[in-house]
Every structure is written in structure tokens, then in C-alpha cells.
Amino acid sequence: MSKINIRSTFFILLFLGAFVSLSAQEKEASHQYETRFERIAQEQLDAYNAKDIDSFLKSYAEDVKVYRFPDRLLYQGKDKMRDTYKRMFETIPNLHCTLENRIVEQNVVIDKEKVQLGDKTIRATAIYVIKDFRIKEVYFIQ
């Protein structure tokens, strides 16, 4: 092999090694974000089950929008959310949400849930859109 071919091969391998390393770093960074987004969804679920309104609301953006899927706006804003959930926490016995399945795709977390509302159980899907590490939009499918 000539010096030119050895040199060219070396630089190609060096470039490919840097590319593979960068791809692995990007994949790890993406996984870290997905893990963080999943953690945000889990923290609000844990606070919901503890009926801790202040901890529950920490996960949400001030201007959060809550929809009935696909596009019916139910309400907007953390103050309205506080009123809605505080009332539920105070008045519904046996309020509990069990996570049945979770999908995390980029900044979207999709939870399949079984919700105990007193003596009634419903199944629902919640879609959380996370921006700036706060839940910005929620879509409920029932």
C-alpha cells in the first residue's frame, strides 16, 4: 500500500470513529432527555396519588393547556388547574392513578392509566407535551 492510501485510510477511519462517537454521544444525550421527561411525568403522577397539590403543580408550566383529545380545550393556566385538582383531591375518596404503560418519544410522554375515582374505575390515556422541562400541554383520551 502506498503512503497516500495509508494516509487516506487513516483519515477515513479517524473521521468514521469521530462520527460513531458523536452518534453515541447524541444518543446518550437524547436518552438523558427522555429520562428527564419521564421523570417529570412520574413526579406529577406521584404527587397526584399523594394528593399533594403543590408538588403536583411543580411539573406544569404556568400557561399549561389541558385538552380533551384531539383539540377541545378544557382549560388553561396553572390557577385553573389548581382549582380543579385541589377540589378532586379534597372530595373524591380512593382517588388513585395506576400507570399501565408509558411511552416516551422525544419531549412527549404518553401514559396509559387506570384511574380509581371513589367506587368507579376508568381507563384513560394522557399525553404530556413537555417544553422547557415543564408540562406545557396535556391531552386526555377517555
C-alpha atoms as a PDB file:
ATOM      1  CA  MET A   1       0.000   0.000   0.000  1.00  0.00           C
ATOM      2  CA  SER A   2       1.331   3.436  -0.855  1.00  0.00           C
ATOM      3  CA  LYS A   3       1.800   6.234   1.661  1.00  0.00           C
ATOM      4  CA  ILE A   4      -1.155   8.123   0.146  1.00  0.00           C
ATOM      5  CA  ASN A   5      -3.507   5.150   0.532  1.00  0.00           C
ATOM      6  CA  ILE A   6      -2.375   4.530   4.121  1.00  0.00           C
ATOM      7  CA  ARG A   7      -2.802   8.215   4.946  1.00  0.00           C
ATOM      8  CA  SER A   8      -6.238   8.358   3.259  1.00  0.00           C
ATOM      9  CA  THR A   9      -7.361   5.187   5.027  1.00  0.00           C
ATOM     10  CA  PHE A  10      -6.159   6.572   8.365  1.00  0.00           C
ATOM     11  CA  PHE A  11      -8.116   9.831   7.926  1.00  0.00           C
ATOM     12  CA  ILE A  12     -11.238   7.986   6.805  1.00  0.00           C
ATOM     13  CA  LEU A  13     -11.081   5.718   9.867  1.00  0.00           C
ATOM     14  CA  LEU A  14     -10.415   8.733  12.105  1.00  0.00           C
ATOM     15  CA  PHE A  15     -13.444  10.530  10.619  1.00  0.00           C
ATOM     16  CA  LEU A  16     -15.680   7.462  10.973  1.00  0.00           C
ATOM     17  CA  GLY A  17     -14.536   6.973  14.570  1.00  0.00           C
ATOM     18  CA  ALA A  18     -15.416  10.591  15.389  1.00  0.00           C
ATOM     19  CA  PHE A  19     -18.787  10.209  13.657  1.00  0.00           C
ATOM     20  CA  VAL A  20     -19.634   7.000  15.530  1.00  0.00           C
ATOM     21  CA  SER A  21     -18.534   8.588  18.803  1.00  0.00           C
ATOM     22  CA  LEU A  22     -20.676  11.670  18.115  1.00  0.00           C
ATOM     23  CA  SER A  23     -23.672   9.482  17.280  1.00  0.00           C
ATOM     24  CA  ALA A  24     -23.250   7.608  20.564  1.00  0.00           C
ATOM     25  CA  GLN A  25     -22.987  10.911  22.453  1.00  0.00           C
ATOM     26  CA  GLU A  26     -26.109  12.244  20.722  1.00  0.00           C
ATOM     27  CA  LYS A  27     -27.960   9.023  21.535  1.00  0.00           C
ATOM     28  CA  GLU A  28     -26.905   9.258  25.202  1.00  0.00           C
ATOM     29  CA  ALA A  29     -27.952  12.928  25.367  1.00  0.00           C
ATOM     30  CA  SER A  30     -31.306  12.024  23.799  1.00  0.00           C
ATOM     31  CA  HIS A  31     -31.761   9.202  26.344  1.00  0.00           C
ATOM     32  CA  GLN A  32     -30.940  11.596  29.201  1.00  0.00           C
ATOM     33  CA  TYR A  33     -33.641  13.988  27.993  1.00  0.00           C
ATOM     34  CA  GLU A  34     -36.142  11.150  27.617  1.00  0.00           C
ATOM     35  CA  THR A  35     -35.303  10.004  31.124  1.00  0.00           C
ATOM     36  CA  ARG A  36     -35.771  13.557  32.411  1.00  0.00           C
ATOM     37  CA  PHE A  37     -39.098  13.912  30.600  1.00  0.00           C
ATOM     38  CA  GLU A  38     -40.206  10.579  32.018  1.00  0.00           C
ATOM     39  CA  ARG A  39     -39.170  11.775  35.479  1.00  0.00           C
ATOM     40  CA  ILE A  40     -41.309  14.906  35.108  1.00  0.00           C
ATOM     41  CA  ALA A  41     -44.345  12.790  34.205  1.00  0.00           C
ATOM     42  CA  GLN A  42     -43.647  10.391  37.074  1.00  0.00           C
ATOM     43  CA  GLU A  43     -43.216  13.201  39.624  1.00  0.00           C
ATOM     44  CA  GLN A  44     -46.614  14.646  38.773  1.00  0.00           C
ATOM     45  CA  LEU A  45     -48.186  11.182  38.928  1.00  0.00           C
ATOM     46  CA  ASP A  46     -46.646  10.511  42.343  1.00  0.00           C
ATOM     47  CA  ALA A  47     -47.858  13.889  43.632  1.00  0.00           C
ATOM     48  CA  TYR A  48     -51.337  13.184  42.195  1.00  0.00           C
ATOM     49  CA  ASN A  49     -51.508   9.900  44.106  1.00  0.00           C
ATOM     50  CA  ALA A  50     -50.267  11.632  47.275  1.00  0.00           C
ATOM     51  CA  LYS A  51     -52.909  14.351  46.727  1.00  0.00           C
ATOM     52  CA  ASP A  52     -50.139  16.936  47.125  1.00  0.00           C
ATOM     53  CA  ILE A  53     -51.361  19.870  45.050  1.00  0.00           C
ATOM     54  CA  ASP A  54     -48.192  21.973  45.346  1.00  0.00           C
ATOM     55  CA  SER A  55     -45.859  19.143  44.301  1.00  0.00           C
ATOM     56  CA  PHE A  56     -48.304  18.165  41.558  1.00  0.00           C
ATOM     57  CA  LEU A  57     -48.282  21.648  40.053  1.00  0.00           C
ATOM     58  CA  LYS A  58     -44.461  21.957  40.065  1.00  0.00           C
ATOM     59  CA  SER A  59     -44.333  19.831  36.921  1.00  0.00           C
ATOM     60  CA  TYR A  60     -46.597  22.157  34.925  1.00  0.00           C
ATOM     61  CA  ALA A  61     -45.969  25.384  33.017  1.00  0.00           C
ATOM     62  CA  GLU A  62     -47.797  28.493  34.221  1.00  0.00           C
ATOM     63  CA  ASP A  63     -49.779  28.632  30.960  1.00  0.00           C
ATOM     64  CA  VAL A  64     -50.469  24.881  30.708  1.00  0.00           C
ATOM     65  CA  LYS A  65     -53.305  23.925  28.365  1.00  0.00           C
ATOM     66  CA  VAL A  66     -55.453  20.866  29.069  1.00  0.00           C
ATOM     67  CA  TYR A  67     -57.385  19.301  26.203  1.00  0.00           C
ATOM     68  CA  ARG A  68     -59.836  16.515  25.602  1.00  0.00           C
ATOM     69  CA  PHE A  69     -58.198  14.790  22.650  1.00  0.00           C
ATOM     70  CA  PRO A  70     -57.823  15.828  19.927  1.00  0.00           C
ATOM     71  CA  ASP A  71     -58.353  19.590  20.272  1.00  0.00           C
ATOM     72  CA  ARG A  72     -61.129  20.547  22.707  1.00  0.00           C
ATOM     73  CA  LEU A  73     -59.571  22.968  25.204  1.00  0.00           C
ATOM     74  CA  LEU A  74     -60.891  22.187  28.688  1.00  0.00           C
ATOM     75  CA  TYR A  75     -58.968  24.917  30.494  1.00  0.00           C
ATOM     76  CA  GLN A  76     -55.734  26.869  30.512  1.00  0.00           C
ATOM     77  CA  GLY A  77     -53.383  28.000  33.250  1.00  0.00           C
ATOM     78  CA  LYS A  78     -51.978  26.694  36.490  1.00  0.00           C
ATOM     79  CA  ASP A  79     -54.517  28.606  38.618  1.00  0.00           C
ATOM     80  CA  LYS A  80     -57.416  26.826  36.939  1.00  0.00           C
ATOM     81  CA  MET A  81     -55.560  23.531  37.231  1.00  0.00           C
ATOM     82  CA  ARG A  82     -55.020  24.181  40.958  1.00  0.00           C
ATOM     83  CA  ASP A  83     -58.758  24.778  41.478  1.00  0.00           C
ATOM     84  CA  THR A  84     -59.722  21.664  39.500  1.00  0.00           C
ATOM     85  CA  TYR A  85     -57.298  19.224  41.096  1.00  0.00           C
ATOM     86  CA  LYS A  86     -57.487  20.626  44.624  1.00  0.00           C
ATOM     87  CA  ARG A  87     -61.253  20.043  44.545  1.00  0.00           C
ATOM     88  CA  MET A  88     -60.705  16.470  43.282  1.00  0.00           C
ATOM     89  CA  PHE A  89     -58.055  15.773  45.908  1.00  0.00           C
ATOM     90  CA  GLU A  90     -60.359  17.001  48.672  1.00  0.00           C
ATOM     91  CA  THR A  91     -63.634  15.421  47.576  1.00  0.00           C
ATOM     92  CA  ILE A  92     -63.009  12.139  45.763  1.00  0.00           C
ATOM     93  CA  PRO A  93     -62.352   9.178  48.073  1.00  0.00           C
ATOM     94  CA  ASN A  94     -59.901   6.492  46.943  1.00  0.00           C
ATOM     95  CA  LEU A  95     -58.510   8.752  44.204  1.00  0.00           C
ATOM     96  CA  HIS A  96     -55.586   6.870  42.691  1.00  0.00           C
ATOM     97  CA  CYS A  97     -53.970   6.519  39.288  1.00  0.00           C
ATOM     98  CA  THR A  98     -52.144   3.341  38.280  1.00  0.00           C
ATOM     99  CA  LEU A  99     -49.741   3.575  35.370  1.00  0.00           C
ATOM    100  CA  GLU A 100     -50.300   0.662  32.996  1.00  0.00           C
ATOM    101  CA  ASN A 101     -47.936   1.647  30.205  1.00  0.00           C
ATOM    102  CA  ARG A 102     -45.692   4.576  29.307  1.00  0.00           C
ATOM    103  CA  ILE A 103     -44.123   5.646  26.035  1.00  0.00           C
ATOM    104  CA  VAL A 104     -41.512   8.401  25.914  1.00  0.00           C
ATOM    105  CA  GLU A 105     -40.749   9.824  22.495  1.00  0.00           C
ATOM    106  CA  GLN A 106     -38.598  12.943  22.455  1.00  0.00           C
ATOM    107  CA  ASN A 107     -40.459  15.526  24.595  1.00  0.00           C
ATOM    108  CA  VAL A 108     -43.779  13.657  24.617  1.00  0.00           C
ATOM    109  CA  VAL A 109     -44.820  11.221  27.338  1.00  0.00           C
ATOM    110  CA  ILE A 110     -47.870   9.027  26.755  1.00  0.00           C
ATOM    111  CA  ASP A 111     -49.344   7.288  29.785  1.00  0.00           C
ATOM    112  CA  LYS A 112     -51.997   4.560  29.692  1.00  0.00           C
ATOM    113  CA  GLU A 113     -53.717   4.817  33.066  1.00  0.00           C
ATOM    114  CA  LYS A 114     -56.291   3.154  35.250  1.00  0.00           C
ATOM    115  CA  VAL A 115     -57.874   5.782  37.498  1.00  0.00           C
ATOM    116  CA  GLN A 116     -59.812   4.960  40.658  1.00  0.00           C
ATOM    117  CA  LEU A 117     -62.442   7.621  41.381  1.00  0.00           C
ATOM    118  CA  GLY A 118     -64.192   6.538  44.558  1.00  0.00           C
ATOM    119  CA  ASP A 119     -66.093   3.375  43.633  1.00  0.00           C
ATOM    120  CA  LYS A 120     -65.661   3.968  39.889  1.00  0.00           C
ATOM    121  CA  THR A 121     -62.662   2.962  37.749  1.00  0.00           C
ATOM    122  CA  ILE A 122     -61.893   4.471  34.351  1.00  0.00           C
ATOM    123  CA  ARG A 123     -59.173   3.843  31.811  1.00  0.00           C
ATOM    124  CA  ALA A 124     -57.600   6.839  30.161  1.00  0.00           C
ATOM    125  CA  THR A 125     -54.624   7.883  28.120  1.00  0.00           C
ATOM    126  CA  ALA A 126     -52.768  11.083  28.990  1.00  0.00           C
ATOM    127  CA  ILE A 127     -50.396  12.716  26.526  1.00  0.00           C
ATOM    128  CA  TYR A 128     -47.963  15.186  28.094  1.00  0.00           C
ATOM    129  CA  VAL A 129     -46.079  17.617  25.873  1.00  0.00           C
ATOM    130  CA  ILE A 130     -43.058  18.922  27.748  1.00  0.00           C
ATOM    131  CA  LYS A 131     -41.258  22.165  26.881  1.00  0.00           C
ATOM    132  CA  ASP A 132     -38.558  23.828  28.951  1.00  0.00           C
ATOM    133  CA  PHE A 133     -38.843  20.888  31.375  1.00  0.00           C
ATOM    134  CA  ARG A 134     -42.447  21.683  32.327  1.00  0.00           C
ATOM    135  CA  ILE A 135     -45.644  20.080  31.089  1.00  0.00           C
ATOM    136  CA  LYS A 136     -46.990  22.627  28.621  1.00  0.00           C
ATOM    137  CA  GLU A 137     -49.935  20.694  27.138  1.00  0.00           C
ATOM    138  CA  VAL A 138     -51.987  17.709  28.282  1.00  0.00           C
ATOM    139  CA  TYR A 139     -54.340  15.701  26.071  1.00  0.00           C
ATOM    140  CA  PHE A 140     -56.745  13.246  27.692  1.00  0.00           C
ATOM    141  CA  ILE A 141     -58.285  10.380  25.748  1.00  0.00           C
ATOM    142  CA  GLN A 142     -61.113   8.508  27.500  1.00  0.00           C
END
